[in-house]
């Protein structure tokens, strides 16, 4: 994760040593102090209108100097996306083993294994199960992107 701290030389409000220490303490963070006089194009590209400003992973997040708690919350929220995705995947795998899903398995497996050699039946059965897992994974991704779109529409509530 990359944090860009936009400042100007001599700016009294741009003291960010405490914020840099917090960002480093969270871990996995690259802190980059950007002097707007040297990188005006980058500041304009991100929409920086006032100083100091803070961008996280190329997105302007704070247009004023955030408090320590605000920065910590923003960093943890951006890191928790991967954790939430992993938990969702594991929960999806767990809940796909519901009694209804397990009860539905004998019919297709009987069709796959009927009048086939044992190795071929195992291959077809594993292909069927892999297809079910793949379909659940794709549906989960569609649902997660749909949830993110709704979050954007509602204004990050």
N, C-alpha and C. Protein backbone atom coordinates (compact mmCIF):
# COMPACT_ATOMS: atom_id res chain seq x y z
N UNK A 1 0.85 -1.15 0.00
CA UNK A 1 0.00 0.00 0.00
C UNK A 1 0.90 1.23 0.00
N UNK A 2 0.54 2.21 -0.82
CA UNK A 2 1.36 3.41 -0.94
C UNK A 2 0.56 4.63 -0.47
N UNK A 3 1.16 5.40 0.42
CA UNK A 3 0.55 6.63 0.91
C UNK A 3 1.37 7.80 0.37
N UNK A 4 0.67 8.72 -0.30
CA UNK A 4 1.31 9.93 -0.80
C UNK A 4 0.84 11.10 0.06
N UNK A 5 1.78 11.76 0.72
CA UNK A 5 1.47 12.90 1.57
C UNK A 5 1.87 14.16 0.82
N UNK A 6 0.88 14.95 0.39
CA UNK A 6 1.14 16.16 -0.38
C UNK A 6 1.31 17.33 0.57
N UNK A 7 2.41 18.05 0.40
CA UNK A 7 2.74 19.18 1.28
C UNK A 7 3.48 20.23 0.48
N UNK A 8 3.69 21.37 1.11
CA UNK A 8 4.50 22.44 0.51
C UNK A 8 5.56 22.85 1.52
N UNK A 9 6.72 23.25 1.06
CA UNK A 9 7.77 23.69 1.98
C UNK A 9 7.30 24.90 2.79
N UNK A 10 7.58 24.89 4.08
CA UNK A 10 7.22 26.00 4.94
C UNK A 10 5.78 25.99 5.42
N UNK A 11 5.02 25.00 5.06
CA UNK A 11 3.61 24.90 5.49
C UNK A 11 3.57 24.47 6.95
N UNK A 12 2.99 25.29 7.81
CA UNK A 12 2.94 24.98 9.23
C UNK A 12 1.95 23.86 9.54
N UNK A 13 0.92 23.71 8.70
CA UNK A 13 -0.09 22.67 8.94
C UNK A 13 0.34 21.30 8.39
N UNK A 14 1.48 21.24 7.73
CA UNK A 14 1.88 20.02 7.02
C UNK A 14 2.81 19.12 7.84
N UNK A 15 2.86 19.27 9.13
CA UNK A 15 3.71 18.41 9.96
C UNK A 15 3.04 17.04 10.08
N UNK A 16 3.66 16.03 9.53
CA UNK A 16 3.02 14.71 9.48
C UNK A 16 3.90 13.61 10.04
N UNK A 17 4.84 13.95 10.90
CA UNK A 17 5.72 12.92 11.46
C UNK A 17 4.93 11.88 12.23
N UNK A 18 3.92 12.31 12.99
CA UNK A 18 3.10 11.38 13.76
C UNK A 18 2.32 10.45 12.82
N UNK A 19 1.78 11.01 11.74
CA UNK A 19 1.01 10.19 10.80
C UNK A 19 1.91 9.18 10.10
N UNK A 20 3.13 9.60 9.75
CA UNK A 20 4.06 8.67 9.13
C UNK A 20 4.39 7.53 10.07
N UNK A 21 4.57 7.81 11.34
CA UNK A 21 4.87 6.77 12.32
C UNK A 21 3.70 5.79 12.44
N UNK A 22 2.48 6.30 12.40
CA UNK A 22 1.29 5.44 12.48
C UNK A 22 1.21 4.55 11.24
N UNK A 23 1.44 5.14 10.07
CA UNK A 23 1.37 4.37 8.83
C UNK A 23 2.40 3.25 8.81
N UNK A 24 3.59 3.54 9.27
CA UNK A 24 4.65 2.53 9.31
C UNK A 24 4.30 1.45 10.33
N UNK A 25 3.68 1.85 11.44
CA UNK A 25 3.32 0.88 12.48
C UNK A 25 2.25 -0.09 12.00
N UNK A 26 1.35 0.36 11.13
CA UNK A 26 0.31 -0.53 10.61
C UNK A 26 0.94 -1.65 9.79
N UNK A 27 2.00 -1.35 9.10
CA UNK A 27 2.74 -2.37 8.35
C UNK A 27 2.32 -2.46 6.90
N UNK A 28 3.27 -2.82 6.05
CA UNK A 28 2.99 -2.97 4.62
C UNK A 28 2.68 -1.66 3.92
N UNK A 29 3.19 -0.55 4.47
CA UNK A 29 2.87 0.77 3.95
C UNK A 29 4.14 1.45 3.47
N UNK A 30 4.06 2.02 2.27
CA UNK A 30 5.16 2.82 1.73
C UNK A 30 4.75 4.29 1.84
N UNK A 31 5.47 5.05 2.64
CA UNK A 31 5.16 6.46 2.86
C UNK A 31 5.97 7.29 1.87
N UNK A 32 5.30 8.16 1.15
CA UNK A 32 5.97 9.00 0.16
C UNK A 32 5.55 10.45 0.37
N UNK A 33 6.48 11.28 0.82
CA UNK A 33 6.20 12.71 1.00
C UNK A 33 6.37 13.39 -0.35
N UNK A 34 5.31 14.04 -0.84
CA UNK A 34 5.32 14.64 -2.17
C UNK A 34 5.25 16.16 -2.03
N UNK A 35 6.30 16.81 -2.46
CA UNK A 35 6.33 18.26 -2.49
C UNK A 35 5.54 18.70 -3.73
N UNK A 36 4.45 19.45 -3.53
CA UNK A 36 3.61 19.81 -4.68
C UNK A 36 4.32 20.73 -5.65
N UNK A 37 5.32 21.46 -5.18
CA UNK A 37 6.07 22.31 -6.09
C UNK A 37 6.90 21.48 -7.06
N UNK A 38 7.31 20.30 -6.63
CA UNK A 38 8.09 19.41 -7.49
C UNK A 38 7.20 18.48 -8.32
N UNK A 39 6.02 18.15 -7.80
CA UNK A 39 5.14 17.17 -8.46
C UNK A 39 3.73 17.74 -8.64
N UNK A 40 3.65 18.90 -9.25
CA UNK A 40 2.36 19.56 -9.43
C UNK A 40 1.42 18.75 -10.31
N UNK A 41 1.97 18.11 -11.35
CA UNK A 41 1.12 17.30 -12.24
C UNK A 41 0.44 16.15 -11.49
N UNK A 42 1.17 15.50 -10.60
CA UNK A 42 0.60 14.39 -9.82
C UNK A 42 -0.50 14.91 -8.88
N UNK A 43 -0.29 16.06 -8.27
CA UNK A 43 -1.29 16.63 -7.38
C UNK A 43 -2.56 16.99 -8.16
N UNK A 44 -2.40 17.57 -9.33
CA UNK A 44 -3.56 17.92 -10.16
C UNK A 44 -4.28 16.67 -10.63
N UNK A 45 -3.52 15.64 -10.98
CA UNK A 45 -4.11 14.37 -11.44
C UNK A 45 -5.02 13.76 -10.37
N UNK A 46 -4.63 13.86 -9.11
CA UNK A 46 -5.42 13.30 -8.03
C UNK A 46 -6.51 14.25 -7.53
N UNK A 47 -6.45 15.51 -7.94
CA UNK A 47 -7.47 16.47 -7.50
C UNK A 47 -7.16 17.15 -6.20
N UNK A 48 -5.89 17.28 -5.88
CA UNK A 48 -5.49 17.96 -4.64
C UNK A 48 -5.73 19.46 -4.83
N UNK A 49 -6.59 20.03 -3.98
CA UNK A 49 -6.90 21.45 -4.06
C UNK A 49 -6.37 22.24 -2.87
N UNK A 50 -6.21 21.56 -1.73
CA UNK A 50 -5.69 22.21 -0.53
C UNK A 50 -4.59 21.35 0.06
N UNK A 51 -3.76 22.00 0.85
CA UNK A 51 -2.67 21.28 1.51
C UNK A 51 -2.87 21.35 3.01
N UNK A 52 -2.44 20.35 3.71
CA UNK A 52 -1.91 19.07 3.25
C UNK A 52 -3.03 18.15 2.77
N UNK A 53 -2.66 17.17 1.98
CA UNK A 53 -3.61 16.17 1.48
C UNK A 53 -2.93 14.81 1.50
N UNK A 54 -3.77 13.77 1.52
CA UNK A 54 -3.23 12.41 1.65
C UNK A 54 -3.95 11.49 0.67
N UNK A 55 -3.18 10.77 -0.13
CA UNK A 55 -3.74 9.80 -1.07
C UNK A 55 -3.26 8.40 -0.66
N UNK A 56 -4.17 7.44 -0.75
CA UNK A 56 -3.84 6.05 -0.44
C UNK A 56 -4.06 5.24 -1.70
N UNK A 57 -3.01 4.58 -2.17
CA UNK A 57 -3.05 3.77 -3.39
C UNK A 57 -3.62 4.53 -4.57
N UNK A 58 -3.18 5.77 -4.75
CA UNK A 58 -3.56 6.55 -5.91
C UNK A 58 -4.95 7.15 -5.85
N UNK A 59 -5.58 7.16 -4.68
CA UNK A 59 -6.91 7.75 -4.52
C UNK A 59 -6.84 8.79 -3.41
N UNK A 60 -7.28 10.01 -3.72
CA UNK A 60 -7.27 11.07 -2.73
C UNK A 60 -8.28 10.74 -1.64
N UNK A 61 -7.81 10.53 -0.42
CA UNK A 61 -8.66 10.10 0.69
C UNK A 61 -8.92 11.24 1.66
N UNK A 62 -7.89 12.03 1.97
CA UNK A 62 -8.03 13.13 2.91
C UNK A 62 -7.59 14.43 2.24
N UNK A 63 -8.46 15.44 2.28
CA UNK A 63 -8.12 16.74 1.71
C UNK A 63 -7.61 17.70 2.76
N UNK A 64 -7.58 17.26 4.00
CA UNK A 64 -6.94 17.99 5.10
C UNK A 64 -6.13 16.98 5.90
N UNK A 65 -5.35 17.47 6.82
CA UNK A 65 -4.54 16.57 7.63
C UNK A 65 -5.47 15.75 8.53
N UNK A 66 -5.48 14.42 8.37
CA UNK A 66 -6.37 13.60 9.20
C UNK A 66 -5.82 13.44 10.62
N UNK A 67 -6.72 13.07 11.51
CA UNK A 67 -6.26 12.75 12.86
C UNK A 67 -5.62 11.36 12.82
N UNK A 68 -4.95 11.01 13.88
CA UNK A 68 -4.31 9.69 13.95
C UNK A 68 -5.36 8.59 13.85
N UNK A 69 -6.50 8.79 14.49
CA UNK A 69 -7.56 7.77 14.46
C UNK A 69 -8.15 7.64 13.06
N UNK A 70 -8.32 8.76 12.36
CA UNK A 70 -8.87 8.71 11.00
C UNK A 70 -7.92 7.96 10.05
N UNK A 71 -6.64 8.25 10.15
CA UNK A 71 -5.67 7.57 9.29
C UNK A 71 -5.61 6.08 9.61
N UNK A 72 -5.59 5.73 10.87
CA UNK A 72 -5.55 4.32 11.26
C UNK A 72 -6.78 3.59 10.73
N UNK A 73 -7.96 4.19 10.85
CA UNK A 73 -9.19 3.57 10.37
C UNK A 73 -9.15 3.38 8.86
N UNK A 74 -8.65 4.38 8.13
CA UNK A 74 -8.57 4.27 6.66
C UNK A 74 -7.60 3.17 6.24
N UNK A 75 -6.47 3.08 6.92
CA UNK A 75 -5.48 2.05 6.57
C UNK A 75 -6.01 0.65 6.88
N UNK A 76 -6.63 0.49 8.03
CA UNK A 76 -7.17 -0.83 8.38
C UNK A 76 -8.32 -1.22 7.47
N UNK A 77 -9.14 -0.25 7.05
CA UNK A 77 -10.26 -0.55 6.15
C UNK A 77 -9.75 -1.02 4.80
N UNK A 78 -8.69 -0.39 4.30
CA UNK A 78 -8.17 -0.80 2.99
C UNK A 78 -7.49 -2.16 3.07
N UNK A 79 -6.89 -2.49 4.21
CA UNK A 79 -6.25 -3.79 4.36
C UNK A 79 -7.27 -4.89 4.63
N UNK A 80 -8.39 -4.52 5.25
CA UNK A 80 -9.38 -5.54 5.61
C UNK A 80 -10.14 -6.06 4.40
N UNK A 81 -10.03 -5.40 3.25
CA UNK A 81 -10.71 -5.88 2.04
C UNK A 81 -10.24 -7.29 1.69
N UNK A 82 -8.94 -7.53 1.78
CA UNK A 82 -8.41 -8.86 1.45
C UNK A 82 -8.82 -9.89 2.49
N UNK A 83 -8.82 -9.48 3.75
CA UNK A 83 -9.24 -10.40 4.81
C UNK A 83 -10.72 -10.74 4.65
N UNK A 84 -11.53 -9.75 4.33
CA UNK A 84 -12.97 -9.99 4.15
C UNK A 84 -13.21 -10.90 2.96
N UNK A 85 -12.43 -10.74 1.90
CA UNK A 85 -12.58 -11.60 0.72
C UNK A 85 -12.24 -13.05 1.06
N UNK A 86 -11.17 -13.25 1.82
CA UNK A 86 -10.78 -14.60 2.22
C UNK A 86 -11.81 -15.25 3.13
N UNK A 87 -12.32 -14.48 4.08
CA UNK A 87 -13.35 -15.01 4.97
C UNK A 87 -14.61 -15.36 4.19
N UNK A 88 -14.97 -14.50 3.24
CA UNK A 88 -16.15 -14.78 2.42
C UNK A 88 -15.98 -16.04 1.59
N UNK A 89 -14.79 -16.24 1.06
CA UNK A 89 -14.54 -17.45 0.27
C UNK A 89 -14.67 -18.70 1.15
N UNK A 90 -14.06 -18.66 2.33
CA UNK A 90 -14.15 -19.81 3.22
C UNK A 90 -15.58 -20.05 3.69
N UNK A 91 -16.31 -18.98 3.98
CA UNK A 91 -17.70 -19.13 4.39
C UNK A 91 -18.54 -19.71 3.26
N UNK A 92 -18.26 -19.28 2.03
CA UNK A 92 -18.98 -19.83 0.88
C UNK A 92 -18.73 -21.31 0.71
N UNK A 93 -17.47 -21.72 0.89
CA UNK A 93 -17.16 -23.14 0.78
C UNK A 93 -17.85 -23.94 1.89
N UNK A 94 -17.86 -23.38 3.09
CA UNK A 94 -18.50 -24.04 4.22
C UNK A 94 -20.00 -24.19 4.00
N UNK A 95 -20.65 -23.11 3.56
CA UNK A 95 -22.10 -23.15 3.40
C UNK A 95 -22.54 -23.89 2.14
N UNK A 96 -21.62 -24.15 1.23
CA UNK A 96 -21.99 -24.97 0.06
C UNK A 96 -22.13 -26.43 0.46
N UNK A 97 -21.71 -26.77 1.67
CA UNK A 97 -21.87 -28.13 2.17
C UNK A 97 -23.18 -28.27 2.97
N UNK A 98 -24.17 -27.50 2.59
CA UNK A 98 -25.46 -27.55 3.28
C UNK A 98 -26.17 -28.87 2.98
N UNK A 99 -27.12 -29.27 3.82
CA UNK A 99 -27.85 -30.52 3.57
C UNK A 99 -28.54 -30.55 2.20
N UNK A 100 -29.03 -29.41 1.76
CA UNK A 100 -29.70 -29.37 0.45
C UNK A 100 -28.72 -29.66 -0.68
N UNK A 101 -27.52 -29.07 -0.60
CA UNK A 101 -26.52 -29.31 -1.64
C UNK A 101 -26.04 -30.75 -1.62
N UNK A 102 -25.83 -31.28 -0.42
CA UNK A 102 -25.38 -32.67 -0.31
C UNK A 102 -26.45 -33.63 -0.79
N UNK A 103 -27.73 -33.33 -0.51
CA UNK A 103 -28.82 -34.18 -0.95
C UNK A 103 -28.95 -34.18 -2.47
N UNK A 104 -28.50 -33.12 -3.12
CA UNK A 104 -28.60 -33.04 -4.58
C UNK A 104 -27.47 -33.80 -5.28
N UNK A 105 -26.44 -34.19 -4.57
CA UNK A 105 -25.29 -34.85 -5.20
C UNK A 105 -25.56 -36.27 -5.71
N UNK A 106 -26.33 -37.13 -5.05
CA UNK A 106 -26.45 -38.50 -5.52
C UNK A 106 -26.99 -38.66 -6.94
N UNK A 107 -27.93 -37.82 -7.33
CA UNK A 107 -28.52 -37.97 -8.68
C UNK A 107 -27.48 -37.72 -9.77
N UNK A 108 -26.78 -36.57 -9.79
CA UNK A 108 -25.78 -36.39 -10.85
C UNK A 108 -24.62 -37.37 -10.74
N UNK A 109 -24.22 -37.71 -9.49
CA UNK A 109 -23.12 -38.66 -9.36
C UNK A 109 -23.52 -40.05 -9.84
N UNK A 110 -24.78 -40.44 -9.61
CA UNK A 110 -25.25 -41.73 -10.12
C UNK A 110 -25.23 -41.72 -11.64
N UNK A 111 -25.61 -40.60 -12.23
CA UNK A 111 -25.59 -40.49 -13.70
C UNK A 111 -24.17 -40.58 -14.22
N UNK A 112 -23.23 -39.91 -13.52
CA UNK A 112 -21.84 -39.90 -13.96
C UNK A 112 -21.20 -41.28 -13.80
N UNK A 113 -21.50 -41.96 -12.72
CA UNK A 113 -20.83 -43.23 -12.43
C UNK A 113 -21.53 -44.43 -13.07
N UNK A 114 -22.75 -44.29 -13.55
CA UNK A 114 -23.48 -45.42 -14.13
C UNK A 114 -22.80 -45.90 -15.41
N UNK A 115 -22.49 -47.16 -15.45
CA UNK A 115 -21.93 -47.82 -16.64
C UNK A 115 -20.62 -47.19 -17.10
N UNK A 116 -19.79 -46.78 -16.17
CA UNK A 116 -18.47 -46.24 -16.51
C UNK A 116 -17.42 -47.00 -15.70
N UNK A 117 -16.21 -46.98 -16.21
CA UNK A 117 -15.10 -47.58 -15.47
C UNK A 117 -14.83 -46.74 -14.22
N UNK A 118 -14.33 -47.34 -13.15
CA UNK A 118 -14.13 -46.58 -11.90
C UNK A 118 -13.25 -45.34 -12.06
N UNK A 119 -12.16 -45.43 -12.83
CA UNK A 119 -11.29 -44.26 -13.00
C UNK A 119 -12.00 -43.15 -13.77
N UNK A 120 -12.72 -43.54 -14.80
CA UNK A 120 -13.45 -42.55 -15.59
C UNK A 120 -14.57 -41.92 -14.76
N UNK A 121 -15.24 -42.73 -13.94
CA UNK A 121 -16.30 -42.21 -13.07
C UNK A 121 -15.72 -41.22 -12.07
N UNK A 122 -14.55 -41.52 -11.51
CA UNK A 122 -13.91 -40.61 -10.55
C UNK A 122 -13.55 -39.30 -11.24
N UNK A 123 -13.03 -39.39 -12.46
CA UNK A 123 -12.67 -38.18 -13.20
C UNK A 123 -13.90 -37.32 -13.49
N UNK A 124 -14.99 -37.95 -13.94
CA UNK A 124 -16.23 -37.22 -14.21
C UNK A 124 -16.81 -36.63 -12.92
N UNK A 125 -16.76 -37.40 -11.84
CA UNK A 125 -17.28 -36.91 -10.56
C UNK A 125 -16.51 -35.71 -10.05
N UNK A 126 -15.18 -35.78 -10.12
CA UNK A 126 -14.36 -34.66 -9.68
C UNK A 126 -14.57 -33.43 -10.58
N UNK A 127 -14.77 -33.66 -11.87
CA UNK A 127 -15.06 -32.55 -12.79
C UNK A 127 -16.38 -31.89 -12.42
N UNK A 128 -17.37 -32.70 -12.08
CA UNK A 128 -18.66 -32.17 -11.68
C UNK A 128 -18.53 -31.32 -10.42
N UNK A 129 -17.82 -31.82 -9.43
CA UNK A 129 -17.64 -31.09 -8.17
C UNK A 129 -16.83 -29.81 -8.41
N UNK A 130 -15.80 -29.88 -9.23
CA UNK A 130 -15.01 -28.68 -9.54
C UNK A 130 -15.88 -27.65 -10.25
N UNK A 131 -16.76 -28.09 -11.11
CA UNK A 131 -17.69 -27.17 -11.79
C UNK A 131 -18.62 -26.48 -10.81
N UNK A 132 -19.12 -27.24 -9.82
CA UNK A 132 -19.99 -26.64 -8.81
C UNK A 132 -19.23 -25.60 -7.98
N UNK A 133 -18.01 -25.93 -7.59
CA UNK A 133 -17.21 -24.98 -6.81
C UNK A 133 -16.90 -23.74 -7.64
N UNK A 134 -16.55 -23.93 -8.90
CA UNK A 134 -16.28 -22.80 -9.79
C UNK A 134 -17.50 -21.90 -9.97
N UNK A 135 -18.67 -22.51 -10.14
CA UNK A 135 -19.89 -21.73 -10.29
C UNK A 135 -20.17 -20.91 -9.03
N UNK A 136 -19.98 -21.53 -7.87
CA UNK A 136 -20.19 -20.79 -6.61
C UNK A 136 -19.18 -19.64 -6.49
N UNK A 137 -17.95 -19.88 -6.88
CA UNK A 137 -16.93 -18.83 -6.79
C UNK A 137 -17.27 -17.66 -7.71
N UNK A 138 -17.69 -17.95 -8.94
CA UNK A 138 -18.06 -16.88 -9.88
C UNK A 138 -19.26 -16.10 -9.35
N UNK A 139 -20.26 -16.80 -8.85
CA UNK A 139 -21.43 -16.11 -8.29
C UNK A 139 -21.04 -15.26 -7.08
N UNK A 140 -20.11 -15.74 -6.27
CA UNK A 140 -19.63 -14.96 -5.13
C UNK A 140 -18.91 -13.69 -5.58
N UNK A 141 -18.09 -13.80 -6.63
CA UNK A 141 -17.41 -12.61 -7.16
C UNK A 141 -18.41 -11.60 -7.71
N UNK A 142 -19.40 -12.09 -8.44
CA UNK A 142 -20.43 -11.19 -8.98
C UNK A 142 -21.15 -10.48 -7.83
N UNK A 143 -21.48 -11.22 -6.79
CA UNK A 143 -22.16 -10.62 -5.64
C UNK A 143 -21.28 -9.59 -4.94
N UNK A 144 -19.97 -9.88 -4.81
CA UNK A 144 -19.08 -8.93 -4.13
C UNK A 144 -18.92 -7.65 -4.94
N UNK A 145 -18.76 -7.77 -6.27
CA UNK A 145 -18.64 -6.57 -7.09
C UNK A 145 -19.95 -5.79 -7.09
N UNK A 146 -21.07 -6.50 -7.06
CA UNK A 146 -22.36 -5.83 -6.96
C UNK A 146 -22.48 -5.07 -5.65
N UNK A 147 -21.99 -5.66 -4.56
CA UNK A 147 -22.01 -4.99 -3.27
C UNK A 147 -21.12 -3.76 -3.26
N UNK A 148 -19.96 -3.85 -3.90
CA UNK A 148 -19.08 -2.69 -3.98
C UNK A 148 -19.73 -1.58 -4.79
N UNK A 149 -20.43 -1.94 -5.86
CA UNK A 149 -21.10 -0.93 -6.68
C UNK A 149 -22.20 -0.23 -5.88
N UNK A 150 -22.94 -0.99 -5.10
CA UNK A 150 -23.98 -0.39 -4.26
C UNK A 150 -23.35 0.53 -3.22
N UNK A 151 -22.22 0.12 -2.66
CA UNK A 151 -21.52 0.95 -1.68
C UNK A 151 -21.09 2.27 -2.31
N UNK A 152 -20.59 2.22 -3.52
CA UNK A 152 -20.17 3.45 -4.21
C UNK A 152 -21.39 4.34 -4.47
N UNK A 153 -22.49 3.73 -4.92
CA UNK A 153 -23.69 4.51 -5.19
C UNK A 153 -24.23 5.19 -3.94
N UNK A 154 -24.13 4.51 -2.80
CA UNK A 154 -24.66 5.07 -1.57
C UNK A 154 -23.68 6.01 -0.88
N UNK A 155 -22.51 6.16 -1.43
CA UNK A 155 -21.55 7.11 -0.87
C UNK A 155 -20.74 6.59 0.28
N UNK A 156 -20.33 5.33 0.22
CA UNK A 156 -19.45 4.71 1.22
C UNK A 156 -20.05 4.70 2.62
N UNK A 157 -21.30 4.36 2.74
CA UNK A 157 -21.93 4.26 4.07
C UNK A 157 -21.66 2.91 4.66
